[in-house]
C-alpha atoms as a PDB file:
ATOM      1  CA  MET A   1      24.612  33.744 -46.512  1.00  0.00           C
ATOM      2  CA  LEU A   2      27.283  31.803 -44.628  1.00  0.00           C
ATOM      3  CA  LYS A   3      25.678  30.299 -41.532  1.00  0.00           C
ATOM      4  CA  LEU A   4      27.877  29.883 -38.434  1.00  0.00           C
ATOM      5  CA  GLY A   5      27.092  29.173 -34.804  1.00  0.00           C
ATOM      6  CA  LEU A   6      28.127  28.361 -31.252  1.00  0.00           C
ATOM      7  CA  ILE A   7      26.927  25.343 -29.262  1.00  0.00           C
ATOM      8  CA  GLY A   8      27.171  25.526 -25.482  1.00  0.00           C
ATOM      9  CA  GLN A   9      25.451  26.162 -22.183  1.00  0.00           C
ATOM     10  CA  SER A  10      25.071  29.631 -20.612  1.00  0.00           C
ATOM     11  CA  ILE A  11      26.393  31.355 -23.748  1.00  0.00           C
ATOM     12  CA  GLN A  12      24.082  34.363 -23.985  1.00  0.00           C
ATOM     13  CA  GLN A  13      26.886  36.789 -23.073  1.00  0.00           C
ATOM     14  CA  SER A  14      29.336  35.400 -25.641  1.00  0.00           C
ATOM     15  CA  ARG A  15      31.139  37.942 -27.818  1.00  0.00           C
ATOM     16  CA  ALA A  16      31.832  35.339 -30.502  1.00  0.00           C
ATOM     17  CA  PRO A  17      28.843  36.431 -32.651  1.00  0.00           C
ATOM     18  CA  SER A  18      30.077  40.031 -32.647  1.00  0.00           C
ATOM     19  CA  LEU A  19      33.616  39.002 -33.630  1.00  0.00           C
ATOM     20  CA  HIS A  20      32.549  36.803 -36.534  1.00  0.00           C
ATOM     21  CA  ARG A  21      29.971  39.278 -37.823  1.00  0.00           C
ATOM     22  CA  MET A  22      32.597  42.014 -37.740  1.00  0.00           C
ATOM     23  CA  LEU A  23      35.037  39.797 -39.638  1.00  0.00           C
ATOM     24  CA  GLY A  24      32.323  39.123 -42.195  1.00  0.00           C
ATOM     25  CA  GLU A  25      31.869  42.865 -42.704  1.00  0.00           C
ATOM     26  CA  ILE A  26      35.619  43.451 -43.040  1.00  0.00           C
ATOM     27  CA  TYR A  27      36.043  40.748 -45.662  1.00  0.00           C
ATOM     28  CA  GLY A  28      32.753  41.306 -47.490  1.00  0.00           C
ATOM     29  CA  LEU A  29      31.271  37.953 -46.539  1.00  0.00           C
ATOM     30  CA  PRO A  30      27.544  37.958 -45.722  1.00  0.00           C
ATOM     31  CA  LEU A  31      27.283  35.695 -42.691  1.00  0.00           C
ATOM     32  CA  SER A  32      25.177  34.971 -39.658  1.00  0.00           C
ATOM     33  CA  TYR A  33      26.394  33.648 -36.325  1.00  0.00           C
ATOM     34  CA  GLU A  34      23.763  32.261 -33.960  1.00  0.00           C
ATOM     35  CA  LEU A  35      23.829  30.794 -30.449  1.00  0.00           C
ATOM     36  CA  HIS A  36      22.478  27.288 -29.829  1.00  0.00           C
ATOM     37  CA  GLU A  37      21.962  25.873 -26.335  1.00  0.00           C
ATOM     38  CA  PRO A  38      21.081  22.146 -26.234  1.00  0.00           C
ATOM     39  CA  LYS A  39      18.344  21.039 -23.854  1.00  0.00           C
ATOM     40  CA  ASP A  40      20.884  19.498 -21.448  1.00  0.00           C
ATOM     41  CA  ALA A  41      24.576  18.595 -21.135  1.00  0.00           C
ATOM     42  CA  SER A  42      24.275  15.074 -22.546  1.00  0.00           C
ATOM     43  CA  PRO A  43      26.010  13.732 -25.660  1.00  0.00           C
ATOM     44  CA  LYS A  44      22.568  13.011 -27.140  1.00  0.00           C
ATOM     45  CA  ALA A  45      21.458  16.630 -26.750  1.00  0.00           C
ATOM     46  CA  PHE A  46      24.670  17.842 -28.368  1.00  0.00           C
ATOM     47  CA  ALA A  47      24.291  15.410 -31.283  1.00  0.00           C
ATOM     48  CA  GLU A  48      20.704  16.543 -31.847  1.00  0.00           C
ATOM     49  CA  THR A  49      21.759  20.201 -31.938  1.00  0.00           C
ATOM     50  CA  LEU A  50      24.618  19.486 -34.311  1.00  0.00           C
ATOM     51  CA  ALA A  51      22.291  17.511 -36.602  1.00  0.00           C
ATOM     52  CA  PHE A  52      19.884  20.474 -36.635  1.00  0.00           C
ATOM     53  CA  LEU A  53      22.664  22.847 -37.661  1.00  0.00           C
ATOM     54  CA  ARG A  54      23.736  20.525 -40.464  1.00  0.00           C
ATOM     55  CA  ASP A  55      20.136  20.198 -41.665  1.00  0.00           C
ATOM     56  CA  GLN A  56      19.899  24.001 -41.709  1.00  0.00           C
ATOM     57  CA  GLY A  57      22.982  24.336 -43.901  1.00  0.00           C
ATOM     58  CA  TYR A  58      25.463  25.668 -41.335  1.00  0.00           C
ATOM     59  CA  ARG A  59      29.051  25.855 -42.586  1.00  0.00           C
ATOM     60  CA  GLY A  60      30.619  25.668 -39.152  1.00  0.00           C
ATOM     61  CA  THR A  61      30.130  25.960 -35.426  1.00  0.00           C
ATOM     62  CA  ASN A  62      32.213  26.678 -32.374  1.00  0.00           C
ATOM     63  CA  VAL A  63      31.780  24.463 -29.329  1.00  0.00           C
ATOM     64  CA  THR A  64      32.113  25.472 -25.696  1.00  0.00           C
ATOM     65  CA  PHE A  65      31.343  24.173 -22.205  1.00  0.00           C
ATOM     66  CA  PRO A  66      30.376  21.393 -21.560  1.00  0.00           C
ATOM     67  CA  TYR A  67      30.681  19.814 -25.009  1.00  0.00           C
ATOM     68  CA  LYS A  68      34.341  20.177 -26.055  1.00  0.00           C
ATOM     69  CA  GLN A  69      35.233  16.546 -25.394  1.00  0.00           C
ATOM     70  CA  ILE A  70      31.789  15.198 -26.290  1.00  0.00           C
ATOM     71  CA  ALA A  71      31.988  16.850 -29.705  1.00  0.00           C
ATOM     72  CA  VAL A  72      35.017  14.840 -30.818  1.00  0.00           C
ATOM     73  CA  ALA A  73      32.840  11.746 -31.258  1.00  0.00           C
ATOM     74  CA  SER A  74      30.771  13.564 -33.900  1.00  0.00           C
ATOM     75  CA  ALA A  75      33.767  14.299 -36.133  1.00  0.00           C
ATOM     76  CA  GLY A  76      34.681  12.300 -39.208  1.00  0.00           C
ATOM     77  CA  SER A  77      38.203  13.721 -39.096  1.00  0.00           C
ATOM     78  CA  VAL A  78      40.264  15.511 -36.453  1.00  0.00           C
ATOM     79  CA  ASN A  79      43.399  17.591 -36.821  1.00  0.00           C
ATOM     80  CA  GLY A  80      46.581  17.087 -34.830  1.00  0.00           C
ATOM     81  CA  ALA A  81      45.641  19.451 -32.011  1.00  0.00           C
ATOM     82  CA  VAL A  82      42.341  17.649 -31.377  1.00  0.00           C
ATOM     83  CA  ASP A  83      44.065  14.281 -31.488  1.00  0.00           C
ATOM     84  CA  LEU A  84      46.609  15.512 -28.956  1.00  0.00           C
ATOM     85  CA  VAL A  85      44.278  17.391 -26.604  1.00  0.00           C
ATOM     86  CA  GLY A  86      41.230  15.146 -26.865  1.00  0.00           C
ATOM     87  CA  SER A  87      38.751  17.994 -27.274  1.00  0.00           C
ATOM     88  CA  THR A  88      37.502  20.381 -29.932  1.00  0.00           C
ATOM     89  CA  ASN A  89      36.052  23.884 -29.960  1.00  0.00           C
ATOM     90  CA  THR A  90      35.670  24.317 -33.733  1.00  0.00           C
ATOM     91  CA  LEU A  91      33.742  22.119 -36.174  1.00  0.00           C
ATOM     92  CA  ALA A  92      33.742  22.652 -39.930  1.00  0.00           C
ATOM     93  CA  LEU A  93      30.521  21.235 -41.365  1.00  0.00           C
ATOM     94  CA  ASP A  94      31.196  19.983 -44.875  1.00  0.00           C
ATOM     95  CA  GLU A  95      30.324  16.559 -46.277  1.00  0.00           C
ATOM     96  CA  MET A  96      31.890  15.281 -43.086  1.00  0.00           C
ATOM     97  CA  VAL A  97      32.393  17.027 -39.751  1.00  0.00           C
ATOM     98  CA  ARG A  98      36.022  18.158 -39.321  1.00  0.00           C
ATOM     99  CA  ALA A  99      37.244  18.986 -35.801  1.00  0.00           C
ATOM    100  CA  PHE A 100      39.873  21.551 -34.798  1.00  0.00           C
ATOM    101  CA  ASN A 101      41.070  23.045 -31.513  1.00  0.00           C
ATOM    102  CA  THR A 102      41.660  26.780 -31.851  1.00  0.00           C
ATOM    103  CA  ASP A 103      42.074  27.202 -28.090  1.00  0.00           C
ATOM    104  CA  TYR A 104      45.351  25.350 -28.685  1.00  0.00           C
ATOM    105  CA  THR A 105      46.446  27.395 -31.702  1.00  0.00           C
ATOM    106  CA  GLY A 106      44.995  30.661 -30.365  1.00  0.00           C
ATOM    107  CA  PHE A 107      46.963  30.424 -27.127  1.00  0.00           C
ATOM    108  CA  ILE A 108      50.181  29.782 -29.047  1.00  0.00           C
ATOM    109  CA  ARG A 109      49.580  32.890 -31.179  1.00  0.00           C
ATOM    110  CA  GLY A 110      48.672  34.985 -28.140  1.00  0.00           C
ATOM    111  CA  TYR A 111      51.763  33.878 -26.198  1.00  0.00           C
ATOM    112  CA  ARG A 112      54.124  34.585 -29.072  1.00  0.00           C
ATOM    113  CA  GLY A 113      52.505  37.943 -29.691  1.00  0.00           C
ATOM    114  CA  ARG A 114      53.204  39.022 -26.099  1.00  0.00           C
ATOM    115  CA  VAL A 115      56.266  37.034 -25.020  1.00  0.00           C
ATOM    116  CA  GLY A 116      57.950  36.325 -28.339  1.00  0.00           C
ATOM    117  CA  GLU A 117      60.124  33.249 -28.817  1.00  0.00           C
ATOM    118  CA  GLN A 118      61.148  33.016 -25.146  1.00  0.00           C
ATOM    119  CA  PRO A 119      60.538  29.395 -24.021  1.00  0.00           C
ATOM    120  CA  ALA A 120      57.680  28.909 -21.573  1.00  0.00           C
ATOM    121  CA  GLY A 121      59.980  27.061 -19.143  1.00  0.00           C
ATOM    122  CA  ARG A 122      58.534  25.547 -15.965  1.00  0.00           C
ATOM    123  CA  VAL A 123      54.825  26.326 -15.787  1.00  0.00           C
ATOM    124  CA  LEU A 124      52.184  26.059 -13.080  1.00  0.00           C
ATOM    125  CA  LEU A 125      48.746  25.574 -14.630  1.00  0.00           C
ATOM    126  CA  ILE A 126      45.741  26.165 -12.376  1.00  0.00           C
ATOM    127  CA  GLY A 127      42.541  24.547 -13.638  1.00  0.00           C
ATOM    128  CA  ALA A 128      42.409  21.270 -15.581  1.00  0.00           C
ATOM    129  CA  GLY A 129      39.130  21.830 -17.429  1.00  0.00           C
ATOM    130  CA  GLY A 130      38.526  22.177 -21.168  1.00  0.00           C
ATOM    131  CA  VAL A 131      40.546  25.345 -21.780  1.00  0.00           C
ATOM    132  CA  GLY A 132      43.229  24.262 -19.322  1.00  0.00           C
ATOM    133  CA  ARG A 133      43.618  20.977 -21.160  1.00  0.00           C
ATOM    134  CA  ALA A 134      44.195  22.679 -24.533  1.00  0.00           C
ATOM    135  CA  ILE A 135      46.663  25.162 -23.064  1.00  0.00           C
ATOM    136  CA  ALA A 136      48.531  22.466 -21.132  1.00  0.00           C
ATOM    137  CA  PHE A 137      49.393  20.671 -24.366  1.00  0.00           C
ATOM    138  CA  ALA A 138      50.076  23.928 -26.250  1.00  0.00           C
ATOM    139  CA  LEU A 139      52.665  24.901 -23.631  1.00  0.00           C
ATOM    140  CA  PHE A 140      55.052  22.241 -24.882  1.00  0.00           C
ATOM    141  CA  GLU A 141      54.997  23.705 -28.383  1.00  0.00           C
ATOM    142  CA  LEU A 142      56.081  26.921 -26.650  1.00  0.00           C
ATOM    143  CA  GLY A 143      59.098  25.342 -25.024  1.00  0.00           C
ATOM    144  CA  ALA A 144      57.711  24.279 -21.648  1.00  0.00           C
ATOM    145  CA  SER A 145      60.140  22.009 -19.840  1.00  0.00           C
ATOM    146  CA  GLU A 146      57.620  20.935 -17.190  1.00  0.00           C
ATOM    147  CA  VAL A 147      53.955  21.633 -16.409  1.00  0.00           C
ATOM    148  CA  ALA A 148      52.687  21.320 -12.854  1.00  0.00           C
ATOM    149  CA  ILE A 149      48.881  21.092 -12.695  1.00  0.00           C
ATOM    150  CA  PHE A 150      46.682  22.135  -9.802  1.00  0.00           C
ATOM    151  CA  ASP A 151      42.917  21.706  -9.666  1.00  0.00           C
ATOM    152  CA  LEU A 152      40.492  21.676  -6.758  1.00  0.00           C
ATOM    153  CA  ASN A 153      39.414  18.336  -8.211  1.00  0.00           C
ATOM    154  CA  ALA A 154      42.601  16.365  -7.667  1.00  0.00           C
ATOM    155  CA  ASP A 155      41.446  13.576  -9.977  1.00  0.00           C
ATOM    156  CA  SER A 156      41.170  16.060 -12.867  1.00  0.00           C
ATOM    157  CA  ALA A 157      44.725  17.270 -12.292  1.00  0.00           C
ATOM    158  CA  ARG A 158      46.064  13.710 -12.167  1.00  0.00           C
ATOM    159  CA  SER A 159      44.111  12.698 -15.261  1.00  0.00           C
ATOM    160  CA  LEU A 160      45.507  15.579 -17.297  1.00  0.00           C
ATOM    161  CA  ALA A 161      49.057  14.973 -16.064  1.00  0.00           C
ATOM    162  CA  ASP A 162      48.757  11.280 -16.981  1.00  0.00           C
ATOM    163  CA  ALA A 163      47.473  12.127 -20.471  1.00  0.00           C
ATOM    164  CA  MET A 164      50.389  14.486 -21.048  1.00  0.00           C
ATOM    165  CA  ASN A 165      52.988  12.036 -19.769  1.00  0.00           C
ATOM    166  CA  THR A 166      51.535   9.337 -22.025  1.00  0.00           C
ATOM    167  CA  VAL A 167      52.518  11.342 -25.114  1.00  0.00           C
ATOM    168  CA  GLY A 168      55.984  12.109 -23.767  1.00  0.00           C
ATOM    169  CA  PHE A 169      55.523  15.444 -21.986  1.00  0.00           C
ATOM    170  CA  ASN A 170      56.768  16.151 -18.471  1.00  0.00           C
ATOM    171  CA  ALA A 171      53.762  16.876 -16.260  1.00  0.00           C
ATOM    172  CA  THR A 172      52.891  16.427 -12.591  1.00  0.00           C
ATOM    173  CA  ALA A 173      49.777  16.943 -10.484  1.00  0.00           C
ATOM    174  CA  VAL A 174      50.222  19.298  -7.542  1.00  0.00           C
ATOM    175  CA  ASP A 175      48.176  19.170  -4.348  1.00  0.00           C
ATOM    176  CA  GLN A 176      47.273  22.032  -2.039  1.00  0.00           C
ATOM    177  CA  ALA A 177      50.172  21.298   0.311  1.00  0.00           C
ATOM    178  CA  ASN A 178      52.724  21.751  -2.488  1.00  0.00           C
ATOM    179  CA  LEU A 179      51.022  24.613  -4.341  1.00  0.00           C
ATOM    180  CA  ALA A 180      53.102  27.433  -2.841  1.00  0.00           C
ATOM    181  CA  ASP A 181      56.370  25.712  -3.766  1.00  0.00           C
ATOM    182  CA  ALA A 182      55.073  25.134  -7.304  1.00  0.00           C
ATOM    183  CA  VAL A 183      54.251  28.834  -7.661  1.00  0.00           C
ATOM    184  CA  ARG A 184      57.652  29.959  -6.426  1.00  0.00           C
ATOM    185  CA  SER A 185      59.581  27.583  -8.695  1.00  0.00           C
ATOM    186  CA  ALA A 186      57.618  28.380 -11.863  1.00  0.00           C
ATOM    187  CA  ASP A 187      58.721  30.508 -14.809  1.00  0.00           C
ATOM    188  CA  GLY A 188      55.137  30.912 -15.982  1.00  0.00           C
ATOM    189  CA  LEU A 189      51.774  31.052 -14.195  1.00  0.00           C
ATOM    190  CA  VAL A 190      48.568  30.070 -16.014  1.00  0.00           C
ATOM    191  CA  ASN A 191      45.040  30.557 -14.666  1.00  0.00           C
ATOM    192  CA  CYS A 192      42.368  28.492 -16.412  1.00  0.00           C
ATOM    193  CA  THR A 193      39.764  28.747 -13.658  1.00  0.00           C
ATOM    194  CA  PRO A 194      36.834  31.221 -13.480  1.00  0.00           C
ATOM    195  CA  VAL A 195      38.430  32.957 -10.477  1.00  0.00           C
ATOM    196  CA  GLY A 196      38.904  36.607 -11.407  1.00  0.00           C
ATOM    197  CA  HIS A 197      35.720  36.921 -13.458  1.00  0.00           C
ATOM    198  CA  TYR A 198      33.264  39.679 -12.542  1.00  0.00           C
ATOM    199  CA  LYS A 199      30.964  37.008 -11.091  1.00  0.00           C
ATOM    200  CA  THR A 200      33.732  35.163  -9.228  1.00  0.00           C
ATOM    201  CA  PRO A 201      36.270  37.827  -8.205  1.00  0.00           C
ATOM    202  CA  GLY A 202      39.540  37.057  -6.528  1.00  0.00           C
ATOM    203  CA  CYS A 203      42.965  35.659  -7.290  1.00  0.00           C
ATOM    204  CA  PRO A 204      43.443  31.912  -8.007  1.00  0.00           C
ATOM    205  CA  ILE A 205      46.626  31.831  -5.899  1.00  0.00           C
ATOM    206  CA  PRO A 206      47.763  33.980  -2.967  1.00  0.00           C
ATOM    207  CA  ALA A 207      48.928  37.287  -4.451  1.00  0.00           C
ATOM    208  CA  MET A 208      51.951  37.337  -2.139  1.00  0.00           C
ATOM    209  CA  LEU A 209      53.382  34.341  -4.010  1.00  0.00           C
ATOM    210  CA  ILE A 210      53.447  36.127  -7.365  1.00  0.00           C
ATOM    211  CA  GLY A 211      56.892  37.539  -8.121  1.00  0.00           C
ATOM    212  CA  GLY A 212      60.087  36.107  -9.518  1.00  0.00           C
ATOM    213  CA  GLN A 213      58.332  34.322 -12.384  1.00  0.00           C
ATOM    214  CA  ARG A 214      58.733  35.541 -15.992  1.00  0.00           C
ATOM    215  CA  TRP A 215      55.221  35.523 -17.459  1.00  0.00           C
ATOM    216  CA  ALA A 216      51.554  34.990 -16.627  1.00  0.00           C
ATOM    217  CA  PHE A 217      48.368  34.147 -18.528  1.00  0.00           C
ATOM    218  CA  ASP A 218      44.757  34.452 -17.400  1.00  0.00           C
ATOM    219  CA  ALA A 219      41.973  32.816 -19.436  1.00  0.00           C
ATOM    220  CA  VAL A 220      39.470  35.226 -17.859  1.00  0.00           C
ATOM    221  CA  TYR A 221      38.860  38.333 -19.983  1.00  0.00           C
ATOM    222  CA  THR A 222      35.867  39.962 -18.298  1.00  0.00           C
ATOM    223  CA  PRO A 223      37.483  42.009 -16.858  1.00  0.00           C
ATOM    224  CA  LEU A 224      40.737  42.104 -18.802  1.00  0.00           C
ATOM    225  CA  ASP A 225      42.675  43.419 -15.815  1.00  0.00           C
ATOM    226  CA  THR A 226      42.021  40.610 -13.358  1.00  0.00           C
ATOM    227  CA  GLU A 227      43.461  40.699  -9.852  1.00  0.00           C
ATOM    228  CA  PHE A 228      45.856  37.942 -10.921  1.00  0.00           C
ATOM    229  CA  LEU A 229      47.209  39.854 -13.932  1.00  0.00           C
ATOM    230  CA  VAL A 230      47.366  43.167 -12.057  1.00  0.00           C
ATOM    231  CA  GLN A 231      49.570  41.571  -9.412  1.00  0.00           C
ATOM    232  CA  ALA A 232      51.681  39.822 -12.057  1.00  0.00           C
ATOM    233  CA  HIS A 233      52.181  43.110 -13.913  1.00  0.00           C
ATOM    234  CA  ARG A 234      53.070  44.842 -10.664  1.00  0.00           C
ATOM    235  CA  GLN A 235      55.800  42.252 -10.134  1.00  0.00           C
ATOM    236  CA  GLY A 236      57.232  42.763 -13.619  1.00  0.00           C
ATOM    237  CA  LEU A 237      55.922  39.614 -15.339  1.00  0.00           C
ATOM    238  CA  SER A 238      55.089  39.625 -19.059  1.00  0.00           C
ATOM    239  CA  ILE A 239      51.314  39.424 -19.524  1.00  0.00           C
ATOM    240  CA  VAL A 240      49.207  37.286 -21.867  1.00  0.00           C
ATOM    241  CA  SER A 241      45.502  38.022 -21.463  1.00  0.00           C
ATOM    242  CA  GLY A 242      42.305  36.079 -21.940  1.00  0.00           C
ATOM    243  CA  PHE A 243      41.387  38.589 -24.625  1.00  0.00           C
ATOM    244  CA  ASP A 244      44.446  37.478 -26.605  1.00  0.00           C
ATOM    245  CA  LEU A 245      43.152  33.900 -26.478  1.00  0.00           C
ATOM    246  CA  PHE A 246      39.601  34.975 -27.378  1.00  0.00           C
ATOM    247  CA  ILE A 247      40.727  36.979 -30.407  1.00  0.00           C
ATOM    248  CA  TYR A 248      43.194  34.486 -31.834  1.00  0.00           C
ATOM    249  CA  GLN A 249      41.049  31.398 -31.340  1.00  0.00           C
ATOM    250  CA  GLY A 250      38.251  33.325 -33.065  1.00  0.00           C
ATOM    251  CA  LEU A 251      40.453  34.390 -35.970  1.00  0.00           C
ATOM    252  CA  ASP A 252      41.680  30.813 -36.401  1.00  0.00           C
ATOM    253  CA  ALA A 253      38.084  29.537 -36.400  1.00  0.00           C
ATOM    254  CA  PHE A 254      37.015  32.199 -38.942  1.00  0.00           C
ATOM    255  CA  GLU A 255      39.824  31.123 -41.272  1.00  0.00           C
ATOM    256  CA  ILE A 256      38.722  27.483 -40.978  1.00  0.00           C
ATOM    257  CA  PHE A 257      35.078  28.335 -41.638  1.00  0.00           C
ATOM    258  CA  THR A 258      35.677  30.681 -44.579  1.00  0.00           C
ATOM    259  CA  ASP A 259      39.086  29.797 -46.095  1.00  0.00           C
ATOM    260  CA  VAL A 260      39.888  33.520 -45.771  1.00  0.00           C
ATOM    261  CA  LYS A 261      43.310  34.319 -44.297  1.00  0.00           C
ATOM    262  CA  VAL A 262      43.446  37.216 -41.822  1.00  0.00           C
ATOM    263  CA  GLU A 263      46.878  38.439 -42.855  1.00  0.00           C
ATOM    264  CA  ASP A 264      47.172  41.294 -40.347  1.00  0.00           C
ATOM    265  CA  PRO A 265      45.168  40.800 -37.138  1.00  0.00           C
ATOM    266  CA  ALA A 266      46.192  44.130 -35.551  1.00  0.00           C
ATOM    267  CA  PRO A 267      43.520  46.309 -37.268  1.00  0.00           C
ATOM    268  CA  VAL A 268      40.870  43.696 -36.485  1.00  0.00           C
ATOM    269  CA  VAL A 269      41.843  43.654 -32.813  1.00  0.00           C
ATOM    270  CA  GLN A 270      41.842  47.453 -32.612  1.00  0.00           C
ATOM    271  CA  ARG A 271      38.463  47.775 -34.312  1.00  0.00           C
ATOM    272  CA  PHE A 272      36.907  45.174 -32.015  1.00  0.00           C
ATOM    273  CA  LYS A 273      38.270  46.910 -28.913  1.00  0.00           C
ATOM    274  CA  GLN A 274      36.963  50.285 -30.071  1.00  0.00           C
ATOM    275  CA  GLN A 275      33.572  48.924 -31.086  1.00  0.00           C
ATOM    276  CA  PHE A 276      32.993  47.312 -27.693  1.00  0.00           C
ATOM    277  CA  ASP A 277      34.933  49.798 -25.553  1.00  0.00           C
ATOM    278  CA  ILE A 278      37.452  47.175 -24.406  1.00  0.00           C
ATOM    279  CA  SER A 279      40.494  48.591 -22.680  1.00  0.00           C
ATOM    280  CA  SER A 280      43.293  47.460 -20.393  1.00  0.00           C
ATOM    281  CA  THR A 281      45.858  49.338 -18.358  1.00  0.00           C
ATOM    282  CA  LEU A 282      48.193  46.318 -18.628  1.00  0.00           C
ATOM    283  CA  ILE A 283      48.426  45.371 -22.309  1.00  0.00           C
ATOM    284  CA  ASP A 284      47.100  48.192 -24.525  1.00  0.00           C
END
């Protein structure tokens, strides 16, 4: 039995166990995938949970809020995406802990699956947290010429912009006074905040500003058709959904954990949508 897991806080509604168990069935790999919530958000609590998983013979674990940056310190080796982004969401547990960032690779796959090879161009990214950080760096692999970053915590936006500029990317922090101009001048709009989720409904930017851009991405995928994406679709923008990110980061993690290549993701995506009655009027 291949033992996999997820370490994070408030993860009881995660669909990651269902995805990995389904992949195990498809590829004939007996596996388990269990949720592990450390006693608090501290590095010590994370390290204790990770040590427990290793003692129990786990082959790998995903990592989510609030441990994605904390987890890097536990790794004996990191791949290029982790080194670039400074956070990890996927740990392979072999003789040493190996860290990967499949938010980074999963977003790239999701973007190309929906938008193709069209460069990302000038992008406004809203939300400078863990997922936003991975996507900010991934945007430059997709041909972003500039990323403007807005966050309600201005220090977070500035910190991310500084980190990106340090490695040679063109990034700026945007304040509330300049947000509308940043929306209007963008080719792509990216929401990496919780705004739009069932529990926090709404649109992360004024809906009237959406229009004239080329594409939009929303990290929220419950619901799939967020107010943000509905308005973007209405204005003719190409859509990349949070479900795209969820699926592709999960497939990338599964391949790391198992060394099994998912050659054709389309049947997997369709089966998962049917099994859990997931539908969208925008991207199906």
